[in-house]
Amino acid sequence: MGQTDKDKAIEHIQIKPYKKDATYSYTLGAFPTYELILSKPEHVVKVLIHSGYTDTEKLKTLCTKHNILLEVNDKLIGRLSDKENCYVAGVFEKYDCKLSKDKPHVVLVNPSNMGNLGTILRTIVGFGIYDIAIVLPGADIFNPKCVRASMGALFKLNFQLYDSFEDYRRQYDMHDVYTFMINEEHTQNLRDCQKSKLFALVFGNEASGLDDSYLKVGTSLMIPQSADVDSLNLTIAVGIGVYEFTR
């Protein structure tokens, strides 16, 4: 039987520790690898397992179903993962997608931490939001640290990257924008504001949040908090905001 195009592509991929400019990335761990195969099988290049991995039959069956190469390679898994207990890794092609025009969005402006970004992806999917925009510069959504922190949620949602918030707004101008700020004087209380169904919740980065120019964009909100802390962690703020708008 002759080689398929996928087989030939696999032969030409040199699997090395992750680089941002690479055309592929990895899931590190069994759970995110299963989520990758179930959600994006067409983008899976191969699955690597460690010789010490015991729950192989289910994974073999799933890979066979989707014509995915399964390879035992302890050494390569060790090079890709910085954790000793990693027994499964999925190699997948990076891909593009589009946001839904008729569904709510979360917008992150310059998020800087890979783990936070992954946790946010997992959180918003948990509350039923499947579209996220990222205004660059920002954390790499395909970095294995982000993929792992998302626990596979990355593969269940749509994302788009933008050079500016204005670029996002030009494409999705029908969404009602709510910016989350720490400026108490010019914001509404999150609990009391009127909430629309087609919304875009906008959050700034971990260090500085959104600057005051965002007070002129849509409705600016503040999450009520005590005076004993400067601000909430970004992942917590997103979780609270999404919960309030979807409950």
C-alpha atoms as a PDB file:
ATOM      1  CA  MET A   1       0.000   0.000   0.000  1.00  0.00           C
ATOM      2  CA  GLY A   2       1.397   3.414  -0.953  1.00  0.00           C
ATOM      3  CA  GLN A   3       2.080   6.216   1.498  1.00  0.00           C
ATOM      4  CA  THR A   4      -0.659   8.747   2.167  1.00  0.00           C
ATOM      5  CA  ASP A   5       0.022  12.485   2.165  1.00  0.00           C
ATOM      6  CA  LYS A   6      -0.224  12.378   5.970  1.00  0.00           C
ATOM      7  CA  ASP A   7       2.411   9.622   6.162  1.00  0.00           C
ATOM      8  CA  LYS A   8       4.768  11.683   4.014  1.00  0.00           C
ATOM      9  CA  ALA A   9       4.157  14.791   6.142  1.00  0.00           C
ATOM     10  CA  ILE A  10       4.998  12.846   9.301  1.00  0.00           C
ATOM     11  CA  GLU A  11       8.312  11.736   7.832  1.00  0.00           C
ATOM     12  CA  HIS A  12       9.358  15.340   7.200  1.00  0.00           C
ATOM     13  CA  ILE A  13       8.486  16.681  10.669  1.00  0.00           C
ATOM     14  CA  GLN A  14      11.476  16.939  12.971  1.00  0.00           C
ATOM     15  CA  ILE A  15      10.031  16.698  16.464  1.00  0.00           C
ATOM     16  CA  LYS A  16      11.989  18.970  18.784  1.00  0.00           C
ATOM     17  CA  PRO A  17      11.244  20.901  21.995  1.00  0.00           C
ATOM     18  CA  TYR A  18       8.604  23.533  21.253  1.00  0.00           C
ATOM     19  CA  LYS A  19       9.436  26.770  19.443  1.00  0.00           C
ATOM     20  CA  LYS A  20       6.894  29.523  18.852  1.00  0.00           C
ATOM     21  CA  ASP A  21       7.659  29.691  15.127  1.00  0.00           C
ATOM     22  CA  ALA A  22       7.220  25.923  14.628  1.00  0.00           C
ATOM     23  CA  THR A  23       4.260  24.680  12.589  1.00  0.00           C
ATOM     24  CA  TYR A  24       3.309  22.105  15.226  1.00  0.00           C
ATOM     25  CA  SER A  25       2.878  21.800  18.997  1.00  0.00           C
ATOM     26  CA  TYR A  26       2.240  19.135  21.654  1.00  0.00           C
ATOM     27  CA  THR A  27      -0.229  17.937  24.211  1.00  0.00           C
ATOM     28  CA  LEU A  28       1.649  16.684  27.268  1.00  0.00           C
ATOM     29  CA  GLY A  29      -0.368  14.178  29.270  1.00  0.00           C
ATOM     30  CA  ALA A  30      -3.040  11.590  28.546  1.00  0.00           C
ATOM     31  CA  PHE A  31      -6.147  13.723  29.183  1.00  0.00           C
ATOM     32  CA  PRO A  32      -5.325  16.662  26.849  1.00  0.00           C
ATOM     33  CA  THR A  33      -4.131  14.153  24.223  1.00  0.00           C
ATOM     34  CA  TYR A  34      -7.483  12.366  24.318  1.00  0.00           C
ATOM     35  CA  GLU A  35      -9.250  15.740  23.981  1.00  0.00           C
ATOM     36  CA  LEU A  36      -7.034  16.587  20.997  1.00  0.00           C
ATOM     37  CA  ILE A  37      -7.874  13.326  19.215  1.00  0.00           C
ATOM     38  CA  LEU A  38     -11.590  13.568  19.953  1.00  0.00           C
ATOM     39  CA  SER A  39     -11.922  17.242  18.932  1.00  0.00           C
ATOM     40  CA  LYS A  40      -9.275  17.799  16.234  1.00  0.00           C
ATOM     41  CA  PRO A  41      -8.284  14.377  14.814  1.00  0.00           C
ATOM     42  CA  GLU A  42      -7.541  15.885  11.415  1.00  0.00           C
ATOM     43  CA  HIS A  43      -4.680  17.928  12.897  1.00  0.00           C
ATOM     44  CA  VAL A  44      -2.987  15.118  14.854  1.00  0.00           C
ATOM     45  CA  VAL A  45       0.393  14.125  13.406  1.00  0.00           C
ATOM     46  CA  LYS A  46       1.174  11.284  15.809  1.00  0.00           C
ATOM     47  CA  VAL A  47       0.762  10.171  19.403  1.00  0.00           C
ATOM     48  CA  LEU A  48       3.736   9.225  21.544  1.00  0.00           C
ATOM     49  CA  ILE A  49       3.474   6.884  24.524  1.00  0.00           C
ATOM     50  CA  HIS A  50       5.992   5.909  27.175  1.00  0.00           C
ATOM     51  CA  SER A  51       6.801   2.222  27.658  1.00  0.00           C
ATOM     52  CA  GLY A  52       5.634   2.598  31.265  1.00  0.00           C
ATOM     53  CA  TYR A  53       2.127   3.699  30.239  1.00  0.00           C
ATOM     54  CA  THR A  54      -0.351   0.987  31.209  1.00  0.00           C
ATOM     55  CA  ASP A  55      -3.731   2.158  29.856  1.00  0.00           C
ATOM     56  CA  THR A  56      -2.849   1.655  26.195  1.00  0.00           C
ATOM     57  CA  GLU A  57      -5.780  -0.269  24.690  1.00  0.00           C
ATOM     58  CA  LYS A  58      -8.285   2.610  24.698  1.00  0.00           C
ATOM     59  CA  LEU A  59      -5.684   4.937  23.197  1.00  0.00           C
ATOM     60  CA  LYS A  60      -4.701   2.390  20.533  1.00  0.00           C
ATOM     61  CA  THR A  61      -8.349   1.918  19.562  1.00  0.00           C
ATOM     62  CA  LEU A  62      -8.922   5.665  19.258  1.00  0.00           C
ATOM     63  CA  CYS A  63      -5.766   6.204  17.190  1.00  0.00           C
ATOM     64  CA  THR A  64      -6.658   3.316  14.887  1.00  0.00           C
ATOM     65  CA  LYS A  65     -10.151   4.736  14.378  1.00  0.00           C
ATOM     66  CA  HIS A  66      -8.714   8.056  13.198  1.00  0.00           C
ATOM     67  CA  ASN A  67      -5.711   6.593  11.319  1.00  0.00           C
ATOM     68  CA  ILE A  68      -3.231   8.217  13.721  1.00  0.00           C
ATOM     69  CA  LEU A  69       0.259   6.807  14.173  1.00  0.00           C
ATOM     70  CA  LEU A  70       0.972   5.592  17.721  1.00  0.00           C
ATOM     71  CA  GLU A  71       4.652   5.376  18.658  1.00  0.00           C
ATOM     72  CA  VAL A  72       6.429   4.143  21.803  1.00  0.00           C
ATOM     73  CA  ASN A  73       9.273   6.602  22.369  1.00  0.00           C
ATOM     74  CA  ASP A  74      10.460   7.191  25.954  1.00  0.00           C
ATOM     75  CA  LYS A  75      13.404   9.330  24.924  1.00  0.00           C
ATOM     76  CA  LEU A  76      11.399  11.753  22.798  1.00  0.00           C
ATOM     77  CA  ILE A  77       8.707  12.207  25.456  1.00  0.00           C
ATOM     78  CA  GLY A  78      11.481  12.993  27.931  1.00  0.00           C
ATOM     79  CA  ARG A  79      12.840  15.685  25.622  1.00  0.00           C
ATOM     80  CA  LEU A  80       9.453  17.281  25.049  1.00  0.00           C
ATOM     81  CA  SER A  81       8.193  17.322  28.642  1.00  0.00           C
ATOM     82  CA  ASP A  82       9.754  18.869  31.728  1.00  0.00           C
ATOM     83  CA  LYS A  83       7.629  16.638  33.979  1.00  0.00           C
ATOM     84  CA  GLU A  84       8.756  13.151  34.970  1.00  0.00           C
ATOM     85  CA  ASN A  85       5.226  11.732  35.074  1.00  0.00           C
ATOM     86  CA  CYS A  86       4.355  12.467  31.430  1.00  0.00           C
ATOM     87  CA  TYR A  87       3.533   9.169  29.679  1.00  0.00           C
ATOM     88  CA  VAL A  88       1.549  10.389  26.658  1.00  0.00           C
ATOM     89  CA  ALA A  89       2.148  13.234  24.190  1.00  0.00           C
ATOM     90  CA  GLY A  90       0.263  14.251  21.072  1.00  0.00           C
ATOM     91  CA  VAL A  91       1.971  16.028  18.187  1.00  0.00           C
ATOM     92  CA  PHE A  92      -0.427  18.262  16.248  1.00  0.00           C
ATOM     93  CA  GLU A  93      -0.358  20.842  13.485  1.00  0.00           C
ATOM     94  CA  LYS A  94      -1.170  24.419  14.408  1.00  0.00           C
ATOM     95  CA  TYR A  95      -4.413  25.587  12.838  1.00  0.00           C
ATOM     96  CA  ASP A  96      -6.562  28.689  12.325  1.00  0.00           C
ATOM     97  CA  CYS A  97     -10.217  29.267  13.125  1.00  0.00           C
ATOM     98  CA  LYS A  98     -12.849  32.016  13.157  1.00  0.00           C
ATOM     99  CA  LEU A  99     -15.036  33.354  15.935  1.00  0.00           C
ATOM    100  CA  SER A 100     -18.790  32.850  15.782  1.00  0.00           C
ATOM    101  CA  LYS A 101     -20.664  36.007  14.825  1.00  0.00           C
ATOM    102  CA  ASP A 102     -23.781  35.028  16.772  1.00  0.00           C
ATOM    103  CA  LYS A 103     -22.175  33.811  20.022  1.00  0.00           C
ATOM    104  CA  PRO A 104     -20.652  35.685  23.019  1.00  0.00           C
ATOM    105  CA  HIS A 105     -16.919  36.395  23.051  1.00  0.00           C
ATOM    106  CA  VAL A 106     -14.167  36.883  25.605  1.00  0.00           C
ATOM    107  CA  VAL A 107     -11.417  39.287  24.532  1.00  0.00           C
ATOM    108  CA  LEU A 108      -7.989  39.280  26.198  1.00  0.00           C
ATOM    109  CA  VAL A 109      -5.773  42.305  25.590  1.00  0.00           C
ATOM    110  CA  ASN A 110      -2.062  41.402  25.797  1.00  0.00           C
ATOM    111  CA  PRO A 111      -2.292  38.387  28.151  1.00  0.00           C
ATOM    112  CA  SER A 112       1.258  37.535  29.175  1.00  0.00           C
ATOM    113  CA  ASN A 113       1.180  34.265  31.120  1.00  0.00           C
ATOM    114  CA  MET A 114       0.838  30.914  29.348  1.00  0.00           C
ATOM    115  CA  GLY A 115      -0.603  29.117  32.370  1.00  0.00           C
ATOM    116  CA  ASN A 116      -3.170  31.855  32.981  1.00  0.00           C
ATOM    117  CA  LEU A 117      -4.252  31.773  29.344  1.00  0.00           C
ATOM    118  CA  GLY A 118      -4.752  28.018  29.451  1.00  0.00           C
ATOM    119  CA  THR A 119      -6.740  28.246  32.680  1.00  0.00           C
ATOM    120  CA  ILE A 120      -8.931  30.958  31.146  1.00  0.00           C
ATOM    121  CA  LEU A 121      -9.671  28.734  28.134  1.00  0.00           C
ATOM    122  CA  ARG A 122     -10.725  25.935  30.467  1.00  0.00           C
ATOM    123  CA  THR A 123     -12.839  28.323  32.556  1.00  0.00           C
ATOM    124  CA  ILE A 124     -14.798  29.905  29.721  1.00  0.00           C
ATOM    125  CA  VAL A 125     -15.553  26.543  28.115  1.00  0.00           C
ATOM    126  CA  GLY A 126     -16.759  25.395  31.531  1.00  0.00           C
ATOM    127  CA  PHE A 127     -19.310  28.237  31.477  1.00  0.00           C
ATOM    128  CA  GLY A 128     -20.359  27.602  27.879  1.00  0.00           C
ATOM    129  CA  ILE A 129     -18.392  30.291  26.017  1.00  0.00           C
ATOM    130  CA  TYR A 130     -16.516  28.934  23.007  1.00  0.00           C
ATOM    131  CA  ASP A 131     -15.048  32.022  21.331  1.00  0.00           C
ATOM    132  CA  ILE A 132     -11.997  33.998  22.457  1.00  0.00           C
ATOM    133  CA  ALA A 133     -10.065  36.840  20.823  1.00  0.00           C
ATOM    134  CA  ILE A 134      -6.494  37.670  21.797  1.00  0.00           C
ATOM    135  CA  VAL A 135      -5.052  41.105  21.095  1.00  0.00           C
ATOM    136  CA  LEU A 136      -1.308  40.858  20.473  1.00  0.00           C
ATOM    137  CA  PRO A 137       1.337  40.947  21.750  1.00  0.00           C
ATOM    138  CA  GLY A 138       0.331  38.161  24.066  1.00  0.00           C
ATOM    139  CA  ALA A 139       0.935  34.659  25.325  1.00  0.00           C
ATOM    140  CA  ASP A 140       1.229  31.902  22.733  1.00  0.00           C
ATOM    141  CA  ILE A 141      -2.024  29.930  22.700  1.00  0.00           C
ATOM    142  CA  PHE A 142      -0.246  26.906  21.191  1.00  0.00           C
ATOM    143  CA  ASN A 143       2.551  26.778  23.761  1.00  0.00           C
ATOM    144  CA  PRO A 144       2.433  23.330  25.447  1.00  0.00           C
ATOM    145  CA  LYS A 145       2.189  25.059  28.855  1.00  0.00           C
ATOM    146  CA  CYS A 146      -0.990  26.787  27.713  1.00  0.00           C
ATOM    147  CA  VAL A 147      -2.337  23.622  26.086  1.00  0.00           C
ATOM    148  CA  ARG A 148      -1.725  21.629  29.261  1.00  0.00           C
ATOM    149  CA  ALA A 149      -3.272  24.272  31.541  1.00  0.00           C
ATOM    150  CA  SER A 150      -6.373  24.303  29.332  1.00  0.00           C
ATOM    151  CA  MET A 151      -6.771  20.523  29.868  1.00  0.00           C
ATOM    152  CA  GLY A 152      -7.802  20.180  26.237  1.00  0.00           C
ATOM    153  CA  ALA A 153     -10.319  23.056  26.292  1.00  0.00           C
ATOM    154  CA  LEU A 154      -8.254  24.735  23.553  1.00  0.00           C
ATOM    155  CA  PHE A 155      -9.528  22.123  21.109  1.00  0.00           C
ATOM    156  CA  LYS A 156     -13.179  22.805  21.930  1.00  0.00           C
ATOM    157  CA  LEU A 157     -13.268  26.543  21.182  1.00  0.00           C
ATOM    158  CA  ASN A 158     -12.645  29.087  18.433  1.00  0.00           C
ATOM    159  CA  PHE A 159      -9.896  31.686  18.730  1.00  0.00           C
ATOM    160  CA  GLN A 160      -8.589  34.573  16.651  1.00  0.00           C
ATOM    161  CA  LEU A 161      -5.510  36.741  17.067  1.00  0.00           C
ATOM    162  CA  TYR A 162      -5.592  40.498  16.405  1.00  0.00           C
ATOM    163  CA  ASP A 163      -2.979  43.222  16.156  1.00  0.00           C
ATOM    164  CA  SER A 164      -5.301  45.697  17.884  1.00  0.00           C
ATOM    165  CA  PHE A 165      -8.641  45.860  19.668  1.00  0.00           C
ATOM    166  CA  GLU A 166      -9.901  48.093  16.841  1.00  0.00           C
ATOM    167  CA  ASP A 167      -9.275  45.265  14.369  1.00  0.00           C
ATOM    168  CA  TYR A 168     -11.435  42.985  16.479  1.00  0.00           C
ATOM    169  CA  ARG A 169     -14.244  45.563  16.733  1.00  0.00           C
ATOM    170  CA  ARG A 170     -14.314  46.180  12.989  1.00  0.00           C
ATOM    171  CA  GLN A 171     -14.953  42.478  12.434  1.00  0.00           C
ATOM    172  CA  TYR A 172     -17.469  41.974  15.252  1.00  0.00           C
ATOM    173  CA  ASP A 173     -19.275  45.293  15.654  1.00  0.00           C
ATOM    174  CA  MET A 174     -22.629  43.731  16.594  1.00  0.00           C
ATOM    175  CA  HIS A 175     -21.409  42.552  20.008  1.00  0.00           C
ATOM    176  CA  ASP A 176     -22.111  44.723  23.051  1.00  0.00           C
ATOM    177  CA  VAL A 177     -18.730  45.449  24.634  1.00  0.00           C
ATOM    178  CA  TYR A 178     -18.114  45.295  28.381  1.00  0.00           C
ATOM    179  CA  THR A 179     -14.649  46.329  29.554  1.00  0.00           C
ATOM    180  CA  PHE A 180     -13.448  45.204  32.975  1.00  0.00           C
ATOM    181  CA  MET A 181     -11.589  48.030  34.712  1.00  0.00           C
ATOM    182  CA  ILE A 182     -10.219  48.936  38.129  1.00  0.00           C
ATOM    183  CA  ASN A 183     -11.245  52.595  37.780  1.00  0.00           C
ATOM    184  CA  GLU A 184     -14.119  52.909  40.272  1.00  0.00           C
ATOM    185  CA  GLU A 185     -15.121  56.469  39.368  1.00  0.00           C
ATOM    186  CA  HIS A 186     -16.209  55.741  35.796  1.00  0.00           C
ATOM    187  CA  THR A 187     -17.453  52.163  35.946  1.00  0.00           C
ATOM    188  CA  GLN A 188     -20.646  50.316  36.760  1.00  0.00           C
ATOM    189  CA  ASN A 189     -20.881  47.574  39.342  1.00  0.00           C
ATOM    190  CA  LEU A 190     -20.813  44.185  37.630  1.00  0.00           C
ATOM    191  CA  ARG A 191     -23.729  42.976  39.741  1.00  0.00           C
ATOM    192  CA  ASP A 192     -25.996  45.862  38.767  1.00  0.00           C
ATOM    193  CA  CYS A 193     -25.318  46.427  35.075  1.00  0.00           C
ATOM    194  CA  GLN A 194     -27.787  45.478  32.340  1.00  0.00           C
ATOM    195  CA  LYS A 195     -26.366  42.474  30.516  1.00  0.00           C
ATOM    196  CA  SER A 196     -27.005  41.670  26.869  1.00  0.00           C
ATOM    197  CA  LYS A 197     -27.009  38.186  25.328  1.00  0.00           C
ATOM    198  CA  LEU A 198     -24.568  38.939  22.504  1.00  0.00           C
ATOM    199  CA  PHE A 199     -21.617  40.318  24.447  1.00  0.00           C
ATOM    200  CA  ALA A 200     -17.842  40.690  24.327  1.00  0.00           C
ATOM    201  CA  LEU A 201     -16.151  40.735  27.725  1.00  0.00           C
ATOM    202  CA  VAL A 202     -12.801  42.530  27.514  1.00  0.00           C
ATOM    203  CA  PHE A 203      -9.952  42.056  29.997  1.00  0.00           C
ATOM    204  CA  GLY A 204      -6.470  43.567  30.182  1.00  0.00           C
ATOM    205  CA  ASN A 205      -3.230  41.805  31.036  1.00  0.00           C
ATOM    206  CA  GLU A 206      -2.035  40.564  34.411  1.00  0.00           C
ATOM    207  CA  ALA A 207       0.247  43.515  35.200  1.00  0.00           C
ATOM    208  CA  SER A 208      -1.627  46.646  34.135  1.00  0.00           C
ATOM    209  CA  GLY A 209      -5.178  45.707  33.131  1.00  0.00           C
ATOM    210  CA  LEU A 210      -6.900  47.952  30.586  1.00  0.00           C
ATOM    211  CA  ASP A 211      -5.821  51.580  30.230  1.00  0.00           C
ATOM    212  CA  ASP A 212      -8.329  54.421  30.582  1.00  0.00           C
ATOM    213  CA  SER A 213      -8.920  54.618  26.817  1.00  0.00           C
ATOM    214  CA  TYR A 214     -11.155  51.563  27.244  1.00  0.00           C
ATOM    215  CA  LEU A 215     -13.543  53.654  29.366  1.00  0.00           C
ATOM    216  CA  LYS A 216     -14.775  55.072  26.056  1.00  0.00           C
ATOM    217  CA  VAL A 217     -15.509  51.625  24.618  1.00  0.00           C
ATOM    218  CA  GLY A 218     -18.901  50.116  25.423  1.00  0.00           C
ATOM    219  CA  THR A 219     -19.832  49.681  29.084  1.00  0.00           C
ATOM    220  CA  SER A 220     -17.046  49.713  31.663  1.00  0.00           C
ATOM    221  CA  LEU A 221     -17.485  47.425  34.659  1.00  0.00           C
ATOM    222  CA  MET A 222     -15.785  46.810  37.964  1.00  0.00           C
ATOM    223  CA  ILE A 223     -15.955  43.641  40.029  1.00  0.00           C
ATOM    224  CA  PRO A 224     -16.755  44.633  43.624  1.00  0.00           C
ATOM    225  CA  GLN A 225     -13.883  43.771  45.948  1.00  0.00           C
ATOM    226  CA  SER A 226     -12.478  44.817  49.300  1.00  0.00           C
ATOM    227  CA  ALA A 227      -9.985  47.659  49.613  1.00  0.00           C
ATOM    228  CA  ASP A 228      -7.415  45.242  51.037  1.00  0.00           C
ATOM    229  CA  VAL A 229      -6.229  44.040  47.625  1.00  0.00           C
ATOM    230  CA  ASP A 230      -5.035  46.033  44.637  1.00  0.00           C
ATOM    231  CA  SER A 231      -6.824  43.903  42.037  1.00  0.00           C
ATOM    232  CA  LEU A 232      -7.977  40.383  41.309  1.00  0.00           C
ATOM    233  CA  ASN A 233      -5.933  37.800  39.440  1.00  0.00           C
ATOM    234  CA  LEU A 234      -6.826  37.817  35.725  1.00  0.00           C
ATOM    235  CA  THR A 235      -8.059  34.232  35.672  1.00  0.00           C
ATOM    236  CA  ILE A 236     -10.300  34.898  38.688  1.00  0.00           C
ATOM    237  CA  ALA A 237     -11.647  38.100  37.132  1.00  0.00           C
ATOM    238  CA  VAL A 238     -12.502  36.319  33.892  1.00  0.00           C
ATOM    239  CA  GLY A 239     -14.192  33.523  35.820  1.00  0.00           C
ATOM    240  CA  ILE A 240     -16.336  35.964  37.803  1.00  0.00           C
ATOM    241  CA  GLY A 241     -17.209  38.032  34.738  1.00  0.00           C
ATOM    242  CA  VAL A 242     -18.183  35.025  32.625  1.00  0.00           C
ATOM    243  CA  TYR A 243     -20.199  33.522  35.470  1.00  0.00           C
ATOM    244  CA  GLU A 244     -22.193  36.730  35.966  1.00  0.00           C
ATOM    245  CA  PHE A 245     -22.998  36.990  32.252  1.00  0.00           C
ATOM    246  CA  THR A 246     -23.958  33.340  31.742  1.00  0.00           C
ATOM    247  CA  ARG A 247     -25.773  32.392  34.954  1.00  0.00           C
END
